[in-house]
Each structure stands twice: as structure tokens, then as C-alpha cells.
Amino acid sequence: MSTAKIAITIDDKLVQKIDSLVEKRIFPNRSRAIQEAVSEKLLRLDKSRLAKECLHLDKAFEQQLSEMGLDSEVESWPEY
């Protein structure tokens, strides 16, 4: 994975919290702590966007799509 070096400005209180996590060896360094925090936040945003898009789906239509062709397949399934 390639990386890029960037400069950011962070509130002193956040820096203290990050440094505390590094001192406790939860993260090896500031960069890794910030990288994981940003990654986690972006993942949450992606999930919330997906959830919002799913709200626009027509449940009845999606159910119909999922069952389409299932009737003919069920007949070919072995009995248990």
C-alpha cells in the first residue's frame, strides 16, 4: 500500500489524547492513530450512505425480484 505524507492541524486536546494512546502502546505512533481514525470514520460514512440509499428501495418490488425464478428452482430441489 502506498502512502502520502500530509500536514494537518489538530486541536491541542486531541493531540494530547493521541499521545496518550501512543504512550499506552495502543498505537505505534501518531500517524497510525490518525490513519486508523480517518479510515474508521470513512467506513462509517460509507455505511450510513448505503443505509440511506436502501431506504429508497421499494420493499415489495425487491421481494418480488428476490423470489423471481425461485418457484421453478424449488421444484428441482431434493426432498429432505
PDB file of N, CA and C in Angstrom:
ATOM      1  N   MET A   1       0.846  -1.174   0.000  1.00  0.00           N
ATOM      2  CA  MET A   1       0.000   0.000   0.000  1.00  0.00           C
ATOM      3  C   MET A   1       0.892   1.237   0.000  1.00  0.00           C
ATOM      4  N   SER A   2       0.653   2.117  -0.930  1.00  0.00           N
ATOM      5  CA  SER A   2       1.424   3.353  -0.956  1.00  0.00           C
ATOM      6  C   SER A   2       0.797   4.357   0.008  1.00  0.00           C
ATOM      7  N   THR A   3       1.607   5.243   0.492  1.00  0.00           N
ATOM      8  CA  THR A   3       1.127   6.254   1.434  1.00  0.00           C
ATOM      9  C   THR A   3       1.544   7.631   0.952  1.00  0.00           C
ATOM     10  N   ALA A   4       0.860   8.638   1.470  1.00  0.00           N
ATOM     11  CA  ALA A   4       1.184  10.023   1.148  1.00  0.00           C
ATOM     12  C   ALA A   4       1.376  10.780   2.453  1.00  0.00           C
ATOM     13  N   LYS A   5       2.326  11.651   2.460  1.00  0.00           N
ATOM     14  CA  LYS A   5       2.578  12.469   3.643  1.00  0.00           C
ATOM     15  C   LYS A   5       1.763  13.748   3.510  1.00  0.00           C
ATOM     16  N   ILE A   6       0.999  14.074   4.567  1.00  0.00           N
ATOM     17  CA  ILE A   6       0.197  15.292   4.565  1.00  0.00           C
ATOM     18  C   ILE A   6       0.428  16.044   5.871  1.00  0.00           C
ATOM     19  N   ALA A   7       0.136  17.316   5.861  1.00  0.00           N
ATOM     20  CA  ALA A   7       0.227  18.134   7.071  1.00  0.00           C
ATOM     21  C   ALA A   7      -1.191  18.507   7.494  1.00  0.00           C
ATOM     22  N   ILE A   8      -1.483  18.355   8.773  1.00  0.00           N
ATOM     23  CA  ILE A   8      -2.810  18.694   9.280  1.00  0.00           C
ATOM     24  C   ILE A   8      -2.667  19.528  10.552  1.00  0.00           C
ATOM     25  N   THR A   9      -3.720  20.227  10.883  1.00  0.00           N
ATOM     26  CA  THR A   9      -3.770  20.995  12.114  1.00  0.00           C
ATOM     27  C   THR A   9      -4.816  20.346  13.019  1.00  0.00           C
ATOM     28  N   ILE A  10      -4.409  20.039  14.248  1.00  0.00           N
ATOM     29  CA  ILE A  10      -5.298  19.360  15.190  1.00  0.00           C
ATOM     30  C   ILE A  10      -5.287  20.119  16.514  1.00  0.00           C
ATOM     31  N   ASP A  11      -6.444  20.192  17.129  1.00  0.00           N
ATOM     32  CA  ASP A  11      -6.600  20.815  18.438  1.00  0.00           C
ATOM     33  C   ASP A  11      -5.639  20.180  19.450  1.00  0.00           C
ATOM     34  N   ASP A  12      -5.079  20.987  20.326  1.00  0.00           N
ATOM     35  CA  ASP A  12      -4.107  20.510  21.327  1.00  0.00           C
ATOM     36  C   ASP A  12      -4.669  19.379  22.185  1.00  0.00           C
ATOM     37  N   LYS A  13      -5.932  19.463  22.555  1.00  0.00           N
ATOM     38  CA  LYS A  13      -6.534  18.418  23.394  1.00  0.00           C
ATOM     39  C   LYS A  13      -6.574  17.082  22.655  1.00  0.00           C
ATOM     40  N   LEU A  14      -6.856  17.117  21.358  1.00  0.00           N
ATOM     41  CA  LEU A  14      -6.845  15.881  20.583  1.00  0.00           C
ATOM     42  C   LEU A  14      -5.436  15.309  20.473  1.00  0.00           C
ATOM     43  N   VAL A  15      -4.466  16.172  20.303  1.00  0.00           N
ATOM     44  CA  VAL A  15      -3.075  15.718  20.235  1.00  0.00           C
ATOM     45  C   VAL A  15      -2.690  15.041  21.541  1.00  0.00           C
ATOM     46  N   GLN A  16      -3.103  15.611  22.661  1.00  0.00           N
ATOM     47  CA  GLN A  16      -2.808  15.006  23.961  1.00  0.00           C
ATOM     48  C   GLN A  16      -3.446  13.617  24.073  1.00  0.00           C
ATOM     49  N   LYS A  17      -4.670  13.496  23.599  1.00  0.00           N
ATOM     50  CA  LYS A  17      -5.342  12.185  23.647  1.00  0.00           C
ATOM     51  C   LYS A  17      -4.629  11.170  22.757  1.00  0.00           C
ATOM     52  N   ILE A  18      -4.225  11.615  21.578  1.00  0.00           N
ATOM     53  CA  ILE A  18      -3.500  10.731  20.658  1.00  0.00           C
ATOM     54  C   ILE A  18      -2.170  10.317  21.289  1.00  0.00           C
ATOM     55  N   ASP A  19      -1.456  11.279  21.860  1.00  0.00           N
ATOM     56  CA  ASP A  19      -0.179  10.969  22.501  1.00  0.00           C
ATOM     57  C   ASP A  19      -0.369   9.986  23.659  1.00  0.00           C
ATOM     58  N   SER A  20      -1.449  10.123  24.383  1.00  0.00           N
ATOM     59  CA  SER A  20      -1.737   9.195  25.475  1.00  0.00           C
ATOM     60  C   SER A  20      -1.940   7.772  24.946  1.00  0.00           C
ATOM     61  N   LEU A  21      -2.631   7.655  23.822  1.00  0.00           N
ATOM     62  CA  LEU A  21      -2.838   6.333  23.218  1.00  0.00           C
ATOM     63  C   LEU A  21      -1.521   5.741  22.725  1.00  0.00           C
ATOM     64  N   VAL A  22      -0.646   6.591  22.228  1.00  0.00           N
ATOM     65  CA  VAL A  22       0.674   6.124  21.775  1.00  0.00           C
ATOM     66  C   VAL A  22       1.507   5.689  22.980  1.00  0.00           C
ATOM     67  N   GLU A  23       1.468   6.468  24.062  1.00  0.00           N
ATOM     68  CA  GLU A  23       2.210   6.109  25.272  1.00  0.00           C
ATOM     69  C   GLU A  23       1.738   4.780  25.840  1.00  0.00           C
ATOM     70  N   LYS A  24       0.432   4.520  25.734  1.00  0.00           N
ATOM     71  CA  LYS A  24      -0.136   3.250  26.234  1.00  0.00           C
ATOM     72  C   LYS A  24       0.081   2.103  25.243  1.00  0.00           C
ATOM     73  N   ARG A  25       0.764   2.415  24.145  1.00  0.00           N
ATOM     74  CA  ARG A  25       1.087   1.448  23.097  1.00  0.00           C
ATOM     75  C   ARG A  25      -0.161   0.864  22.413  1.00  0.00           C
ATOM     76  N   ILE A  26      -1.238   1.639  22.417  1.00  0.00           N
ATOM     77  CA  ILE A  26      -2.435   1.239  21.665  1.00  0.00           C
ATOM     78  C   ILE A  26      -2.166   1.445  20.183  1.00  0.00           C
ATOM     79  N   PHE A  27      -1.398   2.487  19.874  1.00  0.00           N
ATOM     80  CA  PHE A  27      -0.935   2.759  18.509  1.00  0.00           C
ATOM     81  C   PHE A  27       0.578   2.929  18.555  1.00  0.00           C
ATOM     82  N   PRO A  28       1.264   2.546  17.478  1.00  0.00           N
ATOM     83  CA  PRO A  28       2.725   2.686  17.491  1.00  0.00           C
ATOM     84  C   PRO A  28       3.202   4.137  17.372  1.00  0.00           C
ATOM     85  N   ASN A  29       2.350   4.980  16.776  1.00  0.00           N
ATOM     86  CA  ASN A  29       2.739   6.379  16.598  1.00  0.00           C
ATOM     87  C   ASN A  29       1.502   7.222  16.272  1.00  0.00           C
ATOM     88  N   ARG A  30       1.683   8.524  16.233  1.00  0.00           N
ATOM     89  CA  ARG A  30       0.576   9.447  15.930  1.00  0.00           C
ATOM     90  C   ARG A  30      -0.018   9.179  14.552  1.00  0.00           C
ATOM     91  N   SER A  31       0.853   8.974  13.594  1.00  0.00           N
ATOM     92  CA  SER A  31       0.376   8.774  12.221  1.00  0.00           C
ATOM     93  C   SER A  31      -0.582   7.604  12.124  1.00  0.00           C
ATOM     94  N   ARG A  32      -0.218   6.489  12.762  1.00  0.00           N
ATOM     95  CA  ARG A  32      -1.080   5.306  12.702  1.00  0.00           C
ATOM     96  C   ARG A  32      -2.412   5.564  13.406  1.00  0.00           C
ATOM     97  N   ALA A  33      -2.390   6.261  14.521  1.00  0.00           N
ATOM     98  CA  ALA A  33      -3.622   6.573  15.250  1.00  0.00           C
ATOM     99  C   ALA A  33      -4.553   7.417  14.390  1.00  0.00           C
ATOM    100  N   ILE A  34      -4.003   8.425  13.751  1.00  0.00           N
ATOM    101  CA  ILE A  34      -4.815   9.309  12.909  1.00  0.00           C
ATOM    102  C   ILE A  34      -5.295   8.567  11.672  1.00  0.00           C
ATOM    103  N   GLN A  35      -4.423   7.759  11.081  1.00  0.00           N
ATOM    104  CA  GLN A  35      -4.799   6.994   9.894  1.00  0.00           C
ATOM    105  C   GLN A  35      -5.972   6.058  10.203  1.00  0.00           C
ATOM    106  N   GLU A  36      -5.912   5.345  11.321  1.00  0.00           N
ATOM    107  CA  GLU A  36      -7.000   4.437  11.679  1.00  0.00           C
ATOM    108  C   GLU A  36      -8.284   5.190  12.008  1.00  0.00           C
ATOM    109  N   ALA A  37      -8.166   6.340  12.638  1.00  0.00           N
ATOM    110  CA  ALA A  37      -9.350   7.135  12.958  1.00  0.00           C
ATOM    111  C   ALA A  37     -10.044   7.623  11.686  1.00  0.00           C
ATOM    112  N   VAL A  38      -9.266   8.109  10.744  1.00  0.00           N
ATOM    113  CA  VAL A  38      -9.830   8.591   9.481  1.00  0.00           C
ATOM    114  C   VAL A  38     -10.457   7.434   8.709  1.00  0.00           C
ATOM    115  N   SER A  39      -9.770   6.310   8.672  1.00  0.00           N
ATOM    116  CA  SER A  39     -10.281   5.137   7.966  1.00  0.00           C
ATOM    117  C   SER A  39     -11.606   4.675   8.561  1.00  0.00           C
ATOM    118  N   GLU A  40     -11.672   4.614   9.881  1.00  0.00           N
ATOM    119  CA  GLU A  40     -12.899   4.191  10.559  1.00  0.00           C
ATOM    120  C   GLU A  40     -14.050   5.164  10.278  1.00  0.00           C
ATOM    121  N   LYS A  41     -13.772   6.441  10.302  1.00  0.00           N
ATOM    122  CA  LYS A  41     -14.799   7.450  10.035  1.00  0.00           C
ATOM    123  C   LYS A  41     -15.315   7.327   8.606  1.00  0.00           C
ATOM    124  N   LEU A  42     -14.425   7.138   7.648  1.00  0.00           N
ATOM    125  CA  LEU A  42     -14.843   6.997   6.253  1.00  0.00           C
ATOM    126  C   LEU A  42     -15.692   5.742   6.055  1.00  0.00           C
ATOM    127  N   LEU A  43     -15.341   4.668   6.742  1.00  0.00           N
ATOM    128  CA  LEU A  43     -16.125   3.433   6.663  1.00  0.00           C
ATOM    129  C   LEU A  43     -17.535   3.662   7.212  1.00  0.00           C
ATOM    130  N   ARG A  44     -17.632   4.367   8.341  1.00  0.00           N
ATOM    131  CA  ARG A  44     -18.953   4.682   8.911  1.00  0.00           C
ATOM    132  C   ARG A  44     -19.785   5.532   7.967  1.00  0.00           C
ATOM    133  N   LEU A  45     -19.158   6.506   7.322  1.00  0.00           N
ATOM    134  CA  LEU A  45     -19.880   7.351   6.376  1.00  0.00           C
ATOM    135  C   LEU A  45     -20.391   6.537   5.196  1.00  0.00           C
ATOM    136  N   ASP A  46     -19.567   5.630   4.686  1.00  0.00           N
ATOM    137  CA  ASP A  46     -19.994   4.765   3.577  1.00  0.00           C
ATOM    138  C   ASP A  46     -21.184   3.903   3.981  1.00  0.00           C
ATOM    139  N   LYS A  47     -21.139   3.354   5.196  1.00  0.00           N
ATOM    140  CA  LYS A  47     -22.243   2.507   5.661  1.00  0.00           C
ATOM    141  C   LYS A  47     -23.517   3.315   5.823  1.00  0.00           C
ATOM    142  N   SER A  48     -23.400   4.532   6.335  1.00  0.00           N
ATOM    143  CA  SER A  48     -24.601   5.342   6.529  1.00  0.00           C
ATOM    144  C   SER A  48     -25.180   5.775   5.184  1.00  0.00           C
ATOM    145  N   ARG A  49     -24.315   6.018   4.194  1.00  0.00           N
ATOM    146  CA  ARG A  49     -24.810   6.353   2.853  1.00  0.00           C
ATOM    147  C   ARG A  49     -25.557   5.175   2.252  1.00  0.00           C
ATOM    148  N   LEU A  50     -25.018   3.973   2.430  1.00  0.00           N
ATOM    149  CA  LEU A  50     -25.673   2.781   1.912  1.00  0.00           C
ATOM    150  C   LEU A  50     -27.028   2.592   2.589  1.00  0.00           C
ATOM    151  N   ALA A  51     -27.086   2.791   3.888  1.00  0.00           N
ATOM    152  CA  ALA A  51     -28.345   2.652   4.618  1.00  0.00           C
ATOM    153  C   ALA A  51     -29.376   3.671   4.121  1.00  0.00           C
ATOM    154  N   LYS A  52     -28.934   4.893   3.871  1.00  0.00           N
ATOM    155  CA  LYS A  52     -29.855   5.924   3.366  1.00  0.00           C
ATOM    156  C   LYS A  52     -30.372   5.560   1.979  1.00  0.00           C
ATOM    157  N   GLU A  53     -29.491   5.029   1.132  1.00  0.00           N
ATOM    158  CA  GLU A  53     -29.919   4.623  -0.209  1.00  0.00           C
ATOM    159  C   GLU A  53     -30.907   3.459  -0.136  1.00  0.00           C
ATOM    160  N   CYS A  54     -30.698   2.560   0.793  1.00  0.00           N
ATOM    161  CA  CYS A  54     -31.598   1.412   0.946  1.00  0.00           C
ATOM    162  C   CYS A  54     -33.009   1.847   1.344  1.00  0.00           C
ATOM    163  N   LEU A  55     -33.122   2.976   2.008  1.00  0.00           N
ATOM    164  CA  LEU A  55     -34.437   3.482   2.388  1.00  0.00           C
ATOM    165  C   LEU A  55     -35.282   3.836   1.168  1.00  0.00           C
ATOM    166  N   HIS A  56     -34.629   4.104   0.039  1.00  0.00           N
ATOM    167  CA  HIS A  56     -35.337   4.483  -1.181  1.00  0.00           C
ATOM    168  C   HIS A  56     -35.857   3.273  -1.956  1.00  0.00           C
ATOM    169  N   LEU A  57     -35.466   2.071  -1.531  1.00  0.00           N
ATOM    170  CA  LEU A  57     -35.885   0.871  -2.249  1.00  0.00           C
ATOM    171  C   LEU A  57     -37.356   0.567  -1.982  1.00  0.00           C
ATOM    172  N   ASP A  58     -38.014   0.009  -2.976  1.00  0.00           N
ATOM    173  CA  ASP A  58     -39.396  -0.447  -2.838  1.00  0.00           C
ATOM    174  C   ASP A  58     -39.334  -1.880  -2.318  1.00  0.00           C
ATOM    175  N   LYS A  59     -39.736  -2.082  -1.064  1.00  0.00           N
ATOM    176  CA  LYS A  59     -39.601  -3.386  -0.419  1.00  0.00           C
ATOM    177  C   LYS A  59     -40.357  -4.479  -1.167  1.00  0.00           C
ATOM    178  N   ALA A  60     -41.560  -4.181  -1.609  1.00  0.00           N
ATOM    179  CA  ALA A  60     -42.360  -5.185  -2.319  1.00  0.00           C
ATOM    180  C   ALA A  60     -41.682  -5.574  -3.630  1.00  0.00           C
ATOM    181  N   PHE A  61     -41.176  -4.597  -4.351  1.00  0.00           N
ATOM    182  CA  PHE A  61     -40.500  -4.873  -5.617  1.00  0.00           C
ATOM    183  C   PHE A  61     -39.222  -5.683  -5.385  1.00  0.00           C
ATOM    184  N   GLU A  62     -38.446  -5.327  -4.362  1.00  0.00           N
ATOM    185  CA  GLU A  62     -37.217  -6.057  -4.053  1.00  0.00           C
ATOM    186  C   GLU A  62     -37.525  -7.500  -3.653  1.00  0.00           C
ATOM    187  N   GLN A  63     -38.617  -7.706  -2.904  1.00  0.00           N
ATOM    188  CA  GLN A  63     -39.024  -9.056  -2.523  1.00  0.00           C
ATOM    189  C   GLN A  63     -39.396  -9.858  -3.763  1.00  0.00           C
ATOM    190  N   GLN A  64     -40.128  -9.225  -4.647  1.00  0.00           N
ATOM    191  CA  GLN A  64     -40.535  -9.879  -5.892  1.00  0.00           C
ATOM    192  C   GLN A  64     -39.297 -10.268  -6.712  1.00  0.00           C
ATOM    193  N   LEU A  65     -38.325  -9.382  -6.801  1.00  0.00           N
ATOM    194  CA  LEU A  65     -37.098  -9.689  -7.531  1.00  0.00           C
ATOM    195  C   LEU A  65     -36.356 -10.868  -6.907  1.00  0.00           C
ATOM    196  N   SER A  66     -36.307 -10.895  -5.580  1.00  0.00           N
ATOM    197  CA  SER A  66     -35.561 -11.959  -4.912  1.00  0.00           C
ATOM    198  C   SER A  66     -36.225 -13.310  -5.089  1.00  0.00           C
ATOM    199  N   GLU A  67     -37.538 -13.313  -5.269  1.00  0.00           N
ATOM    200  CA  GLU A  67     -38.266 -14.571  -5.423  1.00  0.00           C
ATOM    201  C   GLU A  67     -38.454 -14.976  -6.885  1.00  0.00           C
ATOM    202  N   MET A  68     -38.094 -14.093  -7.793  1.00  0.00           N
ATOM    203  CA  MET A  68     -38.269 -14.363  -9.206  1.00  0.00           C
ATOM    204  C   MET A  68     -37.459 -15.605  -9.602  1.00  0.00           C
ATOM    205  N   GLY A  69     -38.119 -16.533 -10.213  1.00  0.00           N
ATOM    206  CA  GLY A  69     -37.445 -17.742 -10.658  1.00  0.00           C
ATOM    207  C   GLY A  69     -37.266 -18.770  -9.559  1.00  0.00           C
ATOM    208  N   LEU A  70     -37.548 -18.394  -8.336  1.00  0.00           N
ATOM    209  CA  LEU A  70     -37.377 -19.319  -7.213  1.00  0.00           C
ATOM    210  C   LEU A  70     -38.376 -20.463  -7.275  1.00  0.00           C
ATOM    211  N   ASP A  71     -39.594 -20.184  -7.742  1.00  0.00           N
ATOM    212  CA  ASP A  71     -40.623 -21.224  -7.814  1.00  0.00           C
ATOM    213  C   ASP A  71     -40.173 -22.390  -8.682  1.00  0.00           C
ATOM    214  N   SER A  72     -39.574 -22.100  -9.827  1.00  0.00           N
ATOM    215  CA  SER A  72     -39.143 -23.183 -10.700  1.00  0.00           C
ATOM    216  C   SER A  72     -37.941 -23.918 -10.113  1.00  0.00           C
ATOM    217  N   GLU A  73     -37.103 -23.228  -9.359  1.00  0.00           N
ATOM    218  CA  GLU A  73     -35.945 -23.868  -8.748  1.00  0.00           C
ATOM    219  C   GLU A  73     -36.354 -24.773  -7.599  1.00  0.00           C
ATOM    220  N   VAL A  74     -37.343 -24.368  -6.843  1.00  0.00           N
ATOM    221  CA  VAL A  74     -37.768 -25.131  -5.673  1.00  0.00           C
ATOM    222  C   VAL A  74     -38.202 -26.537  -6.087  1.00  0.00           C
ATOM    223  N   GLU A  75     -38.850 -26.655  -7.224  1.00  0.00           N
ATOM    224  CA  GLU A  75     -39.316 -27.964  -7.685  1.00  0.00           C
ATOM    225  C   GLU A  75     -38.165 -28.916  -7.948  1.00  0.00           C
ATOM    226  N   SER A  76     -37.015 -28.399  -8.322  1.00  0.00           N
ATOM    227  CA  SER A  76     -35.875 -29.263  -8.625  1.00  0.00           C
ATOM    228  C   SER A  76     -35.028 -29.593  -7.402  1.00  0.00           C
ATOM    229  N   TRP A  77     -35.310 -28.994  -6.264  1.00  0.00           N
ATOM    230  CA  TRP A  77     -34.552 -29.262  -5.041  1.00  0.00           C
ATOM    231  C   TRP A  77     -34.937 -30.636  -4.489  1.00  0.00           C
ATOM    232  N   PRO A  78     -33.986 -31.379  -3.949  1.00  0.00           N
ATOM    233  CA  PRO A  78     -34.305 -32.698  -3.391  1.00  0.00           C
ATOM    234  C   PRO A  78     -35.097 -32.584  -2.093  1.00  0.00           C
ATOM    235  N   GLU A  79     -35.917 -33.588  -1.823  1.00  0.00           N
ATOM    236  CA  GLU A  79     -36.685 -33.632  -0.570  1.00  0.00           C
ATOM    237  C   GLU A  79     -35.750 -34.044   0.568  1.00  0.00           C
ATOM    238  N   TYR A  80     -35.973 -33.519   1.729  1.00  0.00           N
ATOM    239  CA  TYR A  80     -35.183 -33.908   2.903  1.00  0.00           C
ATOM    240  C   TYR A  80     -36.059 -34.603   3.891  1.00  0.00           C
TER     241      TYR A  80
END
